[in-house]
Amino acid sequence: MTYPVSPSKFESNDYKEDWYDKDFFYSPDGTKEFPNHHCKQTWLASLPFITNYRNAIDIGCRDGEYTRYLHKNFKHVYAFDYRHRKLFSKNVNLENVTHFKCGLGYDNRTLKVSGGGSMTSQKIPIEKWYEEKIFTLDSFNLQDVDYIKIDTDGFELEILIGATSTINKYEPLLVIEEETERTETLEFCSNLGYIIAGWDKLHRNVILWKIK
């Protein structure tokens, strides 16, 4: 398979299978067991609405805090983040995860980013921002997509626009970071035929299911 950007390479893969049941993983918040982590709570909330377990996509994967739940349940996971996070390979088994170090958007272009917690963090002085190539999810031509999670600090709508063909073709369950019910992002999803199936409002994630 040829992608617009090559998959990431990691020096090692330190993930242990028994860590999953223990809710143990590496995180900027510490290296320990996280039995009530917000990623786990959102994952559990989405479970009743999953109908197939072929391929999943984690956009804004960070250190794999959410990817770890996907890769234990789906055949394969494609993870995207414009940052190369060293902890990622400690939290997931890379045998069934493909990681891409790139941002996603509504077209293929170059974008000025800060490199902070989000692509446009105002905490980083503008003179330290740098150029990063971003791509549409559709340009990766991923197959049999049953689940897409997006947590990108405000870039969710832009990413959805660039994923329209993939979404229309496979009608995956969508899990998107969102705080309120009346937004352009949710209106866009509604126009694609999606309804709100569940809402983890405590952790600001909405679960969207395609009307069959």
N, C-alpha and C. Protein backbone atom coordinates (compact mmCIF):
# COMPACT_ATOMS: atom_id res chain seq x y z
N MET A 1 0.84 -1.19 0.00
CA MET A 1 0.00 0.00 0.00
C MET A 1 0.88 1.24 0.00
N THR A 2 0.59 2.18 -0.90
CA THR A 2 1.33 3.43 -0.98
C THR A 2 0.52 4.54 -0.32
N TYR A 3 1.14 5.23 0.63
CA TYR A 3 0.48 6.32 1.34
C TYR A 3 1.15 7.64 0.98
N PRO A 4 0.48 8.77 1.18
CA PRO A 4 1.09 10.06 0.88
C PRO A 4 2.26 10.41 1.80
N VAL A 5 2.36 9.72 2.94
CA VAL A 5 3.50 9.87 3.85
C VAL A 5 3.84 8.50 4.40
N SER A 6 5.12 8.23 4.60
CA SER A 6 5.54 6.91 5.07
C SER A 6 5.14 6.70 6.53
N PRO A 7 4.79 5.47 6.90
CA PRO A 7 4.49 5.18 8.30
C PRO A 7 5.68 5.46 9.19
N SER A 8 5.41 5.81 10.44
CA SER A 8 6.47 6.12 11.40
C SER A 8 7.25 4.87 11.77
N LYS A 9 8.50 5.09 12.16
CA LYS A 9 9.34 4.02 12.68
C LYS A 9 9.72 4.35 14.12
N PHE A 10 9.68 3.33 14.97
CA PHE A 10 10.04 3.51 16.37
C PHE A 10 11.23 2.62 16.69
N GLU A 11 12.09 3.08 17.58
CA GLU A 11 13.30 2.35 17.93
C GLU A 11 12.98 1.02 18.62
N SER A 12 11.91 0.99 19.39
CA SER A 12 11.55 -0.23 20.12
C SER A 12 10.04 -0.26 20.34
N ASN A 13 9.55 -1.42 20.77
CA ASN A 13 8.14 -1.57 21.09
C ASN A 13 8.06 -2.29 22.44
N ASP A 14 7.89 -1.51 23.50
CA ASP A 14 7.98 -2.03 24.86
C ASP A 14 6.65 -2.47 25.45
N TYR A 15 5.61 -2.46 24.63
CA TYR A 15 4.27 -2.81 25.11
C TYR A 15 4.21 -4.25 25.62
N LYS A 16 3.52 -4.44 26.75
CA LYS A 16 3.31 -5.78 27.32
C LYS A 16 1.81 -6.08 27.32
N GLU A 17 1.43 -7.28 26.91
CA GLU A 17 0.02 -7.62 26.76
C GLU A 17 -0.75 -7.51 28.07
N ASP A 18 -0.13 -7.85 29.18
CA ASP A 18 -0.88 -7.83 30.45
C ASP A 18 -1.13 -6.41 30.96
N TRP A 19 -0.50 -5.41 30.33
CA TRP A 19 -0.74 -4.03 30.75
C TRP A 19 -2.17 -3.61 30.47
N TYR A 20 -2.77 -4.16 29.43
CA TYR A 20 -4.12 -3.75 29.04
C TYR A 20 -5.12 -4.06 30.15
N ASP A 21 -5.09 -5.27 30.66
CA ASP A 21 -6.03 -5.66 31.72
C ASP A 21 -5.78 -4.91 33.02
N LYS A 22 -4.56 -4.47 33.20
CA LYS A 22 -4.22 -3.73 34.42
C LYS A 22 -4.48 -2.23 34.28
N ASP A 23 -4.86 -1.79 33.07
CA ASP A 23 -5.03 -0.35 32.80
C ASP A 23 -3.74 0.41 33.07
N PHE A 24 -2.63 -0.24 32.77
CA PHE A 24 -1.32 0.38 32.99
C PHE A 24 -0.81 0.96 31.68
N PHE A 25 -0.35 2.22 31.70
CA PHE A 25 0.32 2.76 30.53
C PHE A 25 1.14 3.99 30.89
N TYR A 26 1.98 4.38 29.94
CA TYR A 26 2.84 5.54 30.09
C TYR A 26 2.09 6.78 29.63
N SER A 27 2.18 7.85 30.38
CA SER A 27 1.45 9.07 30.07
C SER A 27 2.20 10.27 30.63
N PRO A 28 2.01 11.45 30.04
CA PRO A 28 2.57 12.67 30.65
C PRO A 28 2.05 12.87 32.07
N ASP A 29 0.90 12.23 32.39
CA ASP A 29 0.34 12.33 33.74
C ASP A 29 0.97 11.33 34.71
N GLY A 30 1.87 10.50 34.19
CA GLY A 30 2.52 9.51 35.04
C GLY A 30 2.53 8.14 34.40
N THR A 31 3.35 7.26 34.95
CA THR A 31 3.42 5.88 34.49
C THR A 31 2.84 5.01 35.59
N LYS A 32 1.60 4.56 35.37
CA LYS A 32 0.89 3.85 36.42
C LYS A 32 -0.38 3.22 35.85
N GLU A 33 -1.21 2.69 36.72
CA GLU A 33 -2.50 2.16 36.32
C GLU A 33 -3.53 3.30 36.31
N PHE A 34 -4.33 3.35 35.23
CA PHE A 34 -5.36 4.37 35.08
C PHE A 34 -6.72 3.69 34.88
N PRO A 35 -7.30 3.10 35.90
CA PRO A 35 -8.55 2.35 35.73
C PRO A 35 -9.74 3.21 35.33
N ASN A 36 -9.67 4.51 35.59
CA ASN A 36 -10.79 5.40 35.28
C ASN A 36 -10.39 6.50 34.30
N HIS A 37 -9.41 6.22 33.48
CA HIS A 37 -8.93 7.22 32.53
C HIS A 37 -10.05 7.66 31.58
N HIS A 38 -10.06 8.93 31.20
CA HIS A 38 -11.15 9.45 30.37
C HIS A 38 -11.21 8.76 29.01
N CYS A 39 -10.07 8.33 28.47
CA CYS A 39 -10.10 7.61 27.19
C CYS A 39 -10.84 6.28 27.33
N LYS A 40 -10.61 5.60 28.44
CA LYS A 40 -11.31 4.34 28.68
C LYS A 40 -12.80 4.57 28.82
N GLN A 41 -13.18 5.63 29.51
CA GLN A 41 -14.60 5.90 29.72
C GLN A 41 -15.32 6.19 28.40
N THR A 42 -14.67 6.95 27.53
CA THR A 42 -15.27 7.23 26.22
C THR A 42 -15.33 5.97 25.37
N TRP A 43 -14.27 5.16 25.40
CA TRP A 43 -14.26 3.90 24.67
C TRP A 43 -15.41 3.00 25.12
N LEU A 44 -15.60 2.87 26.41
CA LEU A 44 -16.68 2.02 26.93
C LEU A 44 -18.05 2.57 26.52
N ALA A 45 -18.18 3.89 26.49
CA ALA A 45 -19.45 4.50 26.09
C ALA A 45 -19.76 4.23 24.62
N SER A 46 -18.73 4.04 23.81
CA SER A 46 -18.94 3.81 22.37
C SER A 46 -19.22 2.35 22.03
N LEU A 47 -18.86 1.44 22.92
CA LEU A 47 -18.97 0.00 22.64
C LEU A 47 -20.34 -0.46 22.16
N PRO A 48 -21.44 -0.02 22.77
CA PRO A 48 -22.76 -0.54 22.34
C PRO A 48 -23.11 -0.21 20.90
N PHE A 49 -22.40 0.73 20.28
CA PHE A 49 -22.76 1.19 18.95
C PHE A 49 -21.84 0.65 17.85
N ILE A 50 -20.86 -0.17 18.21
CA ILE A 50 -19.95 -0.74 17.23
C ILE A 50 -20.57 -1.99 16.62
N THR A 51 -20.61 -2.05 15.29
CA THR A 51 -21.21 -3.20 14.61
C THR A 51 -20.19 -4.07 13.91
N ASN A 52 -19.01 -3.51 13.59
CA ASN A 52 -17.94 -4.28 12.96
C ASN A 52 -16.60 -3.89 13.57
N TYR A 53 -15.68 -4.83 13.54
CA TYR A 53 -14.37 -4.61 14.17
C TYR A 53 -13.24 -4.87 13.17
N ARG A 54 -13.34 -4.22 12.03
CA ARG A 54 -12.27 -4.39 11.03
C ARG A 54 -11.15 -3.38 11.32
N ASN A 55 -11.21 -2.20 10.71
CA ASN A 55 -10.16 -1.21 10.92
C ASN A 55 -10.69 0.02 11.65
N ALA A 56 -9.86 0.56 12.53
CA ALA A 56 -10.19 1.78 13.28
C ALA A 56 -9.15 2.84 12.99
N ILE A 57 -9.53 4.10 13.16
CA ILE A 57 -8.63 5.23 12.94
C ILE A 57 -8.65 6.12 14.18
N ASP A 58 -7.46 6.45 14.67
CA ASP A 58 -7.32 7.34 15.82
C ASP A 58 -6.58 8.59 15.36
N ILE A 59 -7.30 9.71 15.26
CA ILE A 59 -6.72 10.96 14.78
C ILE A 59 -6.51 11.88 15.98
N GLY A 60 -5.26 12.25 16.20
CA GLY A 60 -4.87 12.95 17.42
C GLY A 60 -4.55 11.92 18.48
N CYS A 61 -3.70 10.96 18.10
CA CYS A 61 -3.47 9.77 18.96
C CYS A 61 -2.55 10.04 20.14
N ARG A 62 -1.82 11.14 20.12
CA ARG A 62 -0.91 11.47 21.23
C ARG A 62 -0.02 10.28 21.59
N ASP A 63 -0.10 9.83 22.85
CA ASP A 63 0.75 8.74 23.32
C ASP A 63 0.06 7.37 23.24
N GLY A 64 -1.02 7.30 22.50
CA GLY A 64 -1.72 6.02 22.35
C GLY A 64 -2.68 5.69 23.46
N GLU A 65 -3.08 6.72 24.25
CA GLU A 65 -3.98 6.47 25.37
C GLU A 65 -5.32 5.90 24.91
N TYR A 66 -5.78 6.34 23.73
CA TYR A 66 -7.02 5.81 23.17
C TYR A 66 -6.74 4.65 22.22
N THR A 67 -5.65 4.76 21.49
CA THR A 67 -5.28 3.72 20.53
C THR A 67 -5.21 2.35 21.19
N ARG A 68 -4.77 2.31 22.43
CA ARG A 68 -4.59 1.03 23.12
C ARG A 68 -5.90 0.26 23.23
N TYR A 69 -7.02 0.96 23.38
CA TYR A 69 -8.31 0.28 23.45
C TYR A 69 -8.75 -0.19 22.07
N LEU A 70 -8.47 0.61 21.06
CA LEU A 70 -8.83 0.24 19.70
C LEU A 70 -8.02 -0.98 19.22
N HIS A 71 -6.72 -0.98 19.50
CA HIS A 71 -5.89 -2.04 18.92
C HIS A 71 -6.09 -3.39 19.59
N LYS A 72 -6.75 -3.42 20.73
CA LYS A 72 -7.07 -4.70 21.37
C LYS A 72 -8.38 -5.27 20.85
N ASN A 73 -9.12 -4.48 20.09
CA ASN A 73 -10.45 -4.91 19.67
C ASN A 73 -10.65 -4.92 18.16
N PHE A 74 -9.88 -4.14 17.44
CA PHE A 74 -10.01 -4.09 15.99
C PHE A 74 -8.87 -4.84 15.32
N LYS A 75 -9.13 -5.24 14.08
CA LYS A 75 -8.12 -5.98 13.32
C LYS A 75 -6.86 -5.14 13.16
N HIS A 76 -7.04 -3.85 12.85
CA HIS A 76 -5.89 -2.96 12.68
C HIS A 76 -6.31 -1.53 13.02
N VAL A 77 -5.34 -0.73 13.45
CA VAL A 77 -5.59 0.67 13.78
C VAL A 77 -4.60 1.54 13.01
N TYR A 78 -5.10 2.63 12.43
CA TYR A 78 -4.27 3.63 11.79
C TYR A 78 -4.31 4.87 12.68
N ALA A 79 -3.15 5.27 13.18
CA ALA A 79 -3.07 6.36 14.15
C ALA A 79 -2.34 7.56 13.54
N PHE A 80 -2.88 8.75 13.78
CA PHE A 80 -2.32 9.97 13.20
C PHE A 80 -2.02 10.99 14.29
N ASP A 81 -0.84 11.59 14.20
CA ASP A 81 -0.50 12.72 15.05
C ASP A 81 0.67 13.43 14.39
N TYR A 82 0.64 14.77 14.37
CA TYR A 82 1.73 15.50 13.71
C TYR A 82 3.00 15.53 14.55
N ARG A 83 2.89 14.97 15.78
CA ARG A 83 4.07 14.87 16.66
C ARG A 83 4.49 13.41 16.77
N HIS A 84 5.79 13.18 16.83
CA HIS A 84 6.31 11.83 17.04
C HIS A 84 6.51 11.65 18.55
N ARG A 85 5.57 10.99 19.19
CA ARG A 85 5.60 10.84 20.65
C ARG A 85 6.26 9.52 21.00
N LYS A 86 7.34 9.60 21.78
CA LYS A 86 8.12 8.41 22.11
C LYS A 86 7.34 7.40 22.95
N LEU A 87 6.37 7.89 23.73
CA LEU A 87 5.62 6.98 24.60
C LEU A 87 4.64 6.11 23.82
N PHE A 88 4.34 6.49 22.58
CA PHE A 88 3.35 5.76 21.79
C PHE A 88 3.72 4.28 21.68
N SER A 89 4.97 3.99 21.39
CA SER A 89 5.38 2.60 21.17
C SER A 89 5.46 1.80 22.48
N LYS A 90 5.31 2.47 23.61
CA LYS A 90 5.24 1.76 24.89
C LYS A 90 3.81 1.35 25.23
N ASN A 91 2.84 2.03 24.63
CA ASN A 91 1.44 1.83 25.02
C ASN A 91 0.63 0.97 24.06
N VAL A 92 1.18 0.67 22.89
CA VAL A 92 0.44 -0.15 21.92
C VAL A 92 1.38 -1.19 21.31
N ASN A 93 0.78 -2.26 20.82
CA ASN A 93 1.52 -3.28 20.09
C ASN A 93 1.59 -2.85 18.63
N LEU A 94 2.76 -2.51 18.15
CA LEU A 94 2.91 -1.96 16.81
C LEU A 94 2.64 -2.99 15.72
N GLU A 95 2.46 -4.25 16.09
CA GLU A 95 2.19 -5.27 15.09
C GLU A 95 0.85 -5.05 14.39
N ASN A 96 -0.11 -4.46 15.09
CA ASN A 96 -1.39 -4.20 14.43
C ASN A 96 -1.80 -2.72 14.52
N VAL A 97 -0.77 -1.85 14.54
CA VAL A 97 -1.00 -0.41 14.51
C VAL A 97 -0.04 0.22 13.52
N THR A 98 -0.57 1.07 12.65
CA THR A 98 0.26 1.85 11.74
C THR A 98 0.15 3.32 12.15
N HIS A 99 1.29 3.93 12.45
CA HIS A 99 1.32 5.31 12.93
C HIS A 99 1.85 6.22 11.82
N PHE A 100 1.16 7.35 11.63
CA PHE A 100 1.62 8.35 10.66
C PHE A 100 1.90 9.65 11.39
N LYS A 101 3.11 10.16 11.23
CA LYS A 101 3.46 11.45 11.82
C LYS A 101 3.06 12.55 10.83
N CYS A 102 1.83 12.96 10.93
CA CYS A 102 1.36 14.05 10.07
C CYS A 102 0.04 14.55 10.60
N GLY A 103 -0.30 15.77 10.23
CA GLY A 103 -1.60 16.31 10.55
C GLY A 103 -2.57 16.03 9.43
N LEU A 104 -3.86 16.08 9.72
CA LEU A 104 -4.89 15.88 8.71
C LEU A 104 -5.74 17.14 8.60
N GLY A 105 -6.31 17.36 7.41
CA GLY A 105 -7.15 18.53 7.20
C GLY A 105 -8.07 18.34 6.02
N TYR A 106 -8.56 19.46 5.46
CA TYR A 106 -9.52 19.37 4.37
C TYR A 106 -8.86 19.28 3.00
N ASP A 107 -7.53 19.50 2.93
CA ASP A 107 -6.80 19.30 1.69
C ASP A 107 -5.33 19.03 2.02
N ASN A 108 -4.57 18.69 0.98
CA ASN A 108 -3.14 18.43 1.17
C ASN A 108 -2.39 19.75 1.00
N ARG A 109 -1.76 20.22 2.08
CA ARG A 109 -1.07 21.50 2.02
C ARG A 109 -0.05 21.59 3.15
N THR A 110 0.63 22.71 3.22
CA THR A 110 1.57 22.98 4.30
C THR A 110 0.96 24.00 5.25
N LEU A 111 1.07 23.73 6.54
CA LEU A 111 0.45 24.57 7.56
C LEU A 111 1.49 24.97 8.60
N LYS A 112 1.40 26.19 9.07
CA LYS A 112 2.29 26.66 10.13
C LYS A 112 1.75 26.18 11.47
N VAL A 113 2.55 25.44 12.23
CA VAL A 113 2.10 24.89 13.51
C VAL A 113 3.05 25.29 14.62
N SER A 114 2.56 25.15 15.86
CA SER A 114 3.33 25.60 17.01
C SER A 114 4.16 24.49 17.64
N GLY A 115 3.65 23.24 17.51
CA GLY A 115 4.35 22.13 18.15
C GLY A 115 4.02 21.99 19.61
N GLY A 116 3.04 22.77 20.08
CA GLY A 116 2.62 22.66 21.47
C GLY A 116 1.59 21.57 21.65
N GLY A 117 0.73 21.74 22.64
CA GLY A 117 -0.29 20.74 22.91
C GLY A 117 -1.29 20.61 21.79
N SER A 118 -1.49 21.66 21.01
CA SER A 118 -2.35 21.61 19.83
C SER A 118 -1.58 22.23 18.67
N MET A 119 -2.12 22.08 17.45
CA MET A 119 -1.39 22.56 16.28
C MET A 119 -1.21 24.07 16.29
N THR A 120 -2.06 24.80 17.02
CA THR A 120 -1.98 26.26 17.02
C THR A 120 -1.92 26.83 18.43
N SER A 121 -1.22 26.16 19.31
CA SER A 121 -1.13 26.61 20.70
C SER A 121 -0.54 28.02 20.78
N GLN A 122 -1.25 28.90 21.46
CA GLN A 122 -0.77 30.27 21.62
C GLN A 122 0.30 30.38 22.70
N LYS A 123 0.57 29.29 23.40
CA LYS A 123 1.58 29.31 24.45
C LYS A 123 3.00 29.30 23.87
N ILE A 124 3.12 28.93 22.59
CA ILE A 124 4.43 28.88 21.94
C ILE A 124 4.63 30.17 21.15
N PRO A 125 5.73 30.90 21.38
CA PRO A 125 5.98 32.14 20.63
C PRO A 125 5.92 31.91 19.12
N ILE A 126 5.30 32.82 18.39
CA ILE A 126 5.08 32.65 16.95
C ILE A 126 6.37 32.41 16.19
N GLU A 127 7.49 32.98 16.68
CA GLU A 127 8.77 32.82 15.97
C GLU A 127 9.30 31.39 16.05
N LYS A 128 8.72 30.59 16.95
CA LYS A 128 9.15 29.19 17.09
C LYS A 128 8.24 28.22 16.35
N TRP A 129 7.21 28.72 15.67
CA TRP A 129 6.34 27.86 14.89
C TRP A 129 7.10 27.37 13.66
N TYR A 130 6.66 26.28 13.08
CA TYR A 130 7.34 25.70 11.92
C TYR A 130 6.31 25.14 10.95
N GLU A 131 6.75 24.82 9.74
CA GLU A 131 5.85 24.32 8.72
C GLU A 131 5.69 22.81 8.80
N GLU A 132 4.47 22.36 8.65
CA GLU A 132 4.16 20.93 8.72
C GLU A 132 3.21 20.59 7.57
N LYS A 133 3.49 19.51 6.87
CA LYS A 133 2.59 19.07 5.80
C LYS A 133 1.38 18.37 6.41
N ILE A 134 0.21 18.68 5.90
CA ILE A 134 -1.00 17.99 6.33
C ILE A 134 -1.68 17.39 5.09
N PHE A 135 -2.47 16.36 5.34
CA PHE A 135 -3.09 15.61 4.25
C PHE A 135 -4.56 15.36 4.58
N THR A 136 -5.33 14.98 3.58
CA THR A 136 -6.69 14.54 3.85
C THR A 136 -6.65 13.06 4.24
N LEU A 137 -7.58 12.67 5.09
CA LEU A 137 -7.68 11.25 5.40
C LEU A 137 -8.02 10.46 4.14
N ASP A 138 -8.85 11.01 3.27
CA ASP A 138 -9.23 10.32 2.05
C ASP A 138 -8.02 9.96 1.18
N SER A 139 -6.96 10.79 1.23
CA SER A 139 -5.79 10.55 0.39
C SER A 139 -5.02 9.30 0.80
N PHE A 140 -5.30 8.76 1.99
CA PHE A 140 -4.65 7.52 2.44
C PHE A 140 -5.38 6.28 1.91
N ASN A 141 -6.59 6.46 1.42
CA ASN A 141 -7.35 5.37 0.82
C ASN A 141 -7.43 4.14 1.73
N LEU A 142 -7.74 4.37 3.00
CA LEU A 142 -7.84 3.27 3.96
C LEU A 142 -9.13 2.49 3.73
N GLN A 143 -9.06 1.18 3.92
CA GLN A 143 -10.17 0.30 3.59
C GLN A 143 -10.89 -0.22 4.84
N ASP A 144 -12.16 -0.59 4.66
CA ASP A 144 -12.95 -1.26 5.70
C ASP A 144 -12.89 -0.54 7.05
N VAL A 145 -13.16 0.74 7.03
CA VAL A 145 -13.07 1.58 8.23
C VAL A 145 -14.40 1.51 9.00
N ASP A 146 -14.34 1.03 10.24
CA ASP A 146 -15.54 0.88 11.06
C ASP A 146 -15.61 1.85 12.23
N TYR A 147 -14.53 2.58 12.50
CA TYR A 147 -14.49 3.43 13.71
C TYR A 147 -13.49 4.55 13.47
N ILE A 148 -13.91 5.78 13.70
CA ILE A 148 -12.99 6.92 13.62
C ILE A 148 -13.14 7.77 14.87
N LYS A 149 -12.03 7.96 15.57
CA LYS A 149 -12.00 8.85 16.73
C LYS A 149 -11.15 10.07 16.37
N ILE A 150 -11.68 11.28 16.67
CA ILE A 150 -10.96 12.51 16.37
C ILE A 150 -10.92 13.39 17.60
N ASP A 151 -9.72 13.73 18.03
CA ASP A 151 -9.51 14.64 19.16
C ASP A 151 -8.34 15.53 18.79
N THR A 152 -8.63 16.69 18.18
CA THR A 152 -7.58 17.51 17.60
C THR A 152 -7.69 18.98 17.97
N ASP A 153 -8.30 19.27 19.09
CA ASP A 153 -8.30 20.63 19.63
C ASP A 153 -8.79 21.68 18.64
N GLY A 154 -9.95 21.43 18.03
CA GLY A 154 -10.56 22.43 17.17
C GLY A 154 -10.45 22.17 15.68
N PHE A 155 -9.66 21.17 15.27
CA PHE A 155 -9.51 20.86 13.85
C PHE A 155 -10.46 19.76 13.39
N GLU A 156 -11.41 19.38 14.23
CA GLU A 156 -12.28 18.24 13.92
C GLU A 156 -13.06 18.43 12.61
N LEU A 157 -13.66 19.60 12.43
CA LEU A 157 -14.46 19.83 11.23
C LEU A 157 -13.59 19.77 9.98
N GLU A 158 -12.45 20.42 10.02
CA GLU A 158 -11.55 20.40 8.87
C GLU A 158 -11.17 18.97 8.49
N ILE A 159 -10.90 18.16 9.49
CA ILE A 159 -10.52 16.76 9.24
C ILE A 159 -11.68 15.98 8.66
N LEU A 160 -12.89 16.20 9.18
CA LEU A 160 -14.07 15.51 8.67
C LEU A 160 -14.32 15.84 7.20
N ILE A 161 -14.11 17.10 6.82
CA ILE A 161 -14.29 17.49 5.42
C ILE A 161 -13.34 16.70 4.53
N GLY A 162 -12.11 16.51 4.99
CA GLY A 162 -11.12 15.77 4.22
C GLY A 162 -11.28 14.26 4.32
N ALA A 163 -12.29 13.82 5.07
CA ALA A 163 -12.54 12.38 5.24
C ALA A 163 -13.90 11.98 4.70
N THR A 164 -14.55 12.89 3.97
CA THR A 164 -15.93 12.68 3.55
C THR A 164 -16.11 11.41 2.71
N SER A 165 -15.21 11.17 1.79
CA SER A 165 -15.34 9.98 0.93
C SER A 165 -15.22 8.70 1.74
N THR A 166 -14.28 8.66 2.66
CA THR A 166 -14.09 7.49 3.51
C THR A 166 -15.32 7.26 4.38
N ILE A 167 -15.85 8.34 4.95
CA ILE A 167 -17.03 8.23 5.82
C ILE A 167 -18.25 7.78 5.03
N ASN A 168 -18.47 8.36 3.86
CA ASN A 168 -19.63 7.98 3.06
C ASN A 168 -19.54 6.54 2.57
N LYS A 169 -18.34 6.07 2.31
CA LYS A 169 -18.16 4.72 1.78
C LYS A 169 -18.39 3.65 2.84
N TYR A 170 -17.85 3.87 4.07
CA TYR A 170 -17.87 2.82 5.08
C TYR A 170 -18.82 3.09 6.25
N GLU A 171 -19.32 4.32 6.37
CA GLU A 171 -20.26 4.68 7.42
C GLU A 171 -19.77 4.24 8.82
N PRO A 172 -18.55 4.63 9.19
CA PRO A 172 -18.01 4.22 10.49
C PRO A 172 -18.67 4.93 11.66
N LEU A 173 -18.56 4.35 12.83
CA LEU A 173 -18.93 5.06 14.05
C LEU A 173 -17.94 6.19 14.23
N LEU A 174 -18.42 7.37 14.61
CA LEU A 174 -17.56 8.53 14.83
C LEU A 174 -17.55 8.90 16.30
N VAL A 175 -16.37 9.10 16.85
CA VAL A 175 -16.22 9.59 18.22
C VAL A 175 -15.39 10.86 18.13
N ILE A 176 -16.00 12.00 18.47
CA ILE A 176 -15.39 13.29 18.22
C ILE A 176 -15.40 14.14 19.48
N GLU A 177 -14.29 14.81 19.74
CA GLU A 177 -14.25 15.75 20.86
C GLU A 177 -15.16 16.93 20.55
N GLU A 178 -16.15 17.15 21.40
CA GLU A 178 -17.10 18.24 21.19
C GLU A 178 -17.75 18.59 22.52
N GLU A 179 -17.93 19.88 22.77
CA GLU A 179 -18.45 20.32 24.07
C GLU A 179 -19.95 20.63 24.04
N THR A 180 -20.45 21.15 22.94
CA THR A 180 -21.84 21.58 22.88
C THR A 180 -22.58 20.91 21.73
N GLU A 181 -23.89 20.98 21.75
CA GLU A 181 -24.71 20.28 20.76
C GLU A 181 -24.89 21.05 19.47
N ARG A 182 -24.77 22.35 19.48
CA ARG A 182 -25.02 23.15 18.29
C ARG A 182 -23.70 23.70 17.75
N THR A 183 -23.06 22.94 16.88
CA THR A 183 -21.79 23.35 16.30
C THR A 183 -21.77 23.02 14.81
N GLU A 184 -20.88 23.67 14.07
CA GLU A 184 -20.73 23.38 12.64
C GLU A 184 -20.29 21.94 12.43
N THR A 185 -19.50 21.41 13.36
CA THR A 185 -19.03 20.04 13.25
C THR A 185 -20.20 19.06 13.28
N LEU A 186 -21.08 19.22 14.25
CA LEU A 186 -22.22 18.31 14.36
C LEU A 186 -23.21 18.53 13.22
N GLU A 187 -23.35 19.76 12.76
CA GLU A 187 -24.22 20.02 11.61
C GLU A 187 -23.69 19.32 10.36
N PHE A 188 -22.37 19.35 10.20
CA PHE A 188 -21.75 18.68 9.07
C PHE A 188 -22.02 17.17 9.12
N CYS A 189 -21.86 16.59 10.30
CA CYS A 189 -22.11 15.16 10.47
C CYS A 189 -23.58 14.82 10.23
N SER A 190 -24.45 15.70 10.67
CA SER A 190 -25.88 15.50 10.45
C SER A 190 -26.20 15.48 8.97
N ASN A 191 -25.54 16.34 8.20
CA ASN A 191 -25.75 16.38 6.76
C ASN A 191 -25.24 15.12 6.07
N LEU A 192 -24.34 14.40 6.74
CA LEU A 192 -23.85 13.12 6.21
C LEU A 192 -24.75 11.96 6.64
N GLY A 193 -25.78 12.27 7.44
CA GLY A 193 -26.72 11.25 7.86
C GLY A 193 -26.46 10.68 9.24
N TYR A 194 -25.64 11.37 10.05
CA TYR A 194 -25.30 10.88 11.38
C TYR A 194 -26.21 11.50 12.45
N ILE A 195 -26.47 10.73 13.48
CA ILE A 195 -27.21 11.21 14.63
C ILE A 195 -26.36 10.98 15.88
N ILE A 196 -26.69 11.71 16.94
CA ILE A 196 -25.98 11.53 18.21
C ILE A 196 -26.47 10.25 18.88
N ALA A 197 -25.58 9.29 19.03
CA ALA A 197 -25.92 8.02 19.67
C ALA A 197 -25.61 8.04 21.16
N GLY A 198 -24.63 8.83 21.53
CA GLY A 198 -24.25 8.92 22.94
C GLY A 198 -23.36 10.13 23.15
N TRP A 199 -23.26 10.54 24.42
CA TRP A 199 -22.45 11.73 24.70
C TRP A 199 -21.78 11.57 26.05
N ASP A 200 -20.46 11.52 26.00
CA ASP A 200 -19.68 11.50 27.23
C ASP A 200 -19.36 12.96 27.56
N LYS A 201 -20.36 13.67 28.10
CA LYS A 201 -20.20 15.11 28.31
C LYS A 201 -19.14 15.44 29.34
N LEU A 202 -18.93 14.54 30.30
CA LEU A 202 -17.90 14.77 31.31
C LEU A 202 -16.54 14.93 30.66
N HIS A 203 -16.31 14.15 29.59
CA HIS A 203 -15.01 14.18 28.92
C HIS A 203 -15.09 14.80 27.53
N ARG A 204 -16.22 15.45 27.23
CA ARG A 204 -16.41 16.26 26.02
C ARG A 204 -16.25 15.44 24.73
N ASN A 205 -16.85 14.27 24.68
CA ASN A 205 -16.80 13.45 23.48
C ASN A 205 -18.21 13.02 23.07
N VAL A 206 -18.50 13.21 21.78
CA VAL A 206 -19.81 12.82 21.27
C VAL A 206 -19.63 11.57 20.40
N ILE A 207 -20.59 10.66 20.46
CA ILE A 207 -20.58 9.42 19.68
C ILE A 207 -21.67 9.54 18.63
N LEU A 208 -21.28 9.41 17.38
CA LEU A 208 -22.19 9.62 16.26
C LEU A 208 -22.35 8.34 15.45
N TRP A 209 -23.60 8.00 15.16
CA TRP A 209 -23.95 6.76 14.48
C TRP A 209 -24.67 7.10 13.19
N LYS A 210 -24.34 6.41 12.10
CA LYS A 210 -24.96 6.68 10.80
C LYS A 210 -26.34 6.03 10.75
N ILE A 211 -27.32 6.81 10.35
CA ILE A 211 -28.68 6.30 10.18
C ILE A 211 -28.69 5.28 9.05
N LYS A 212 -29.12 4.08 9.32
CA LYS A 212 -29.14 3.03 8.30
C LYS A 212 -30.44 3.06 7.52
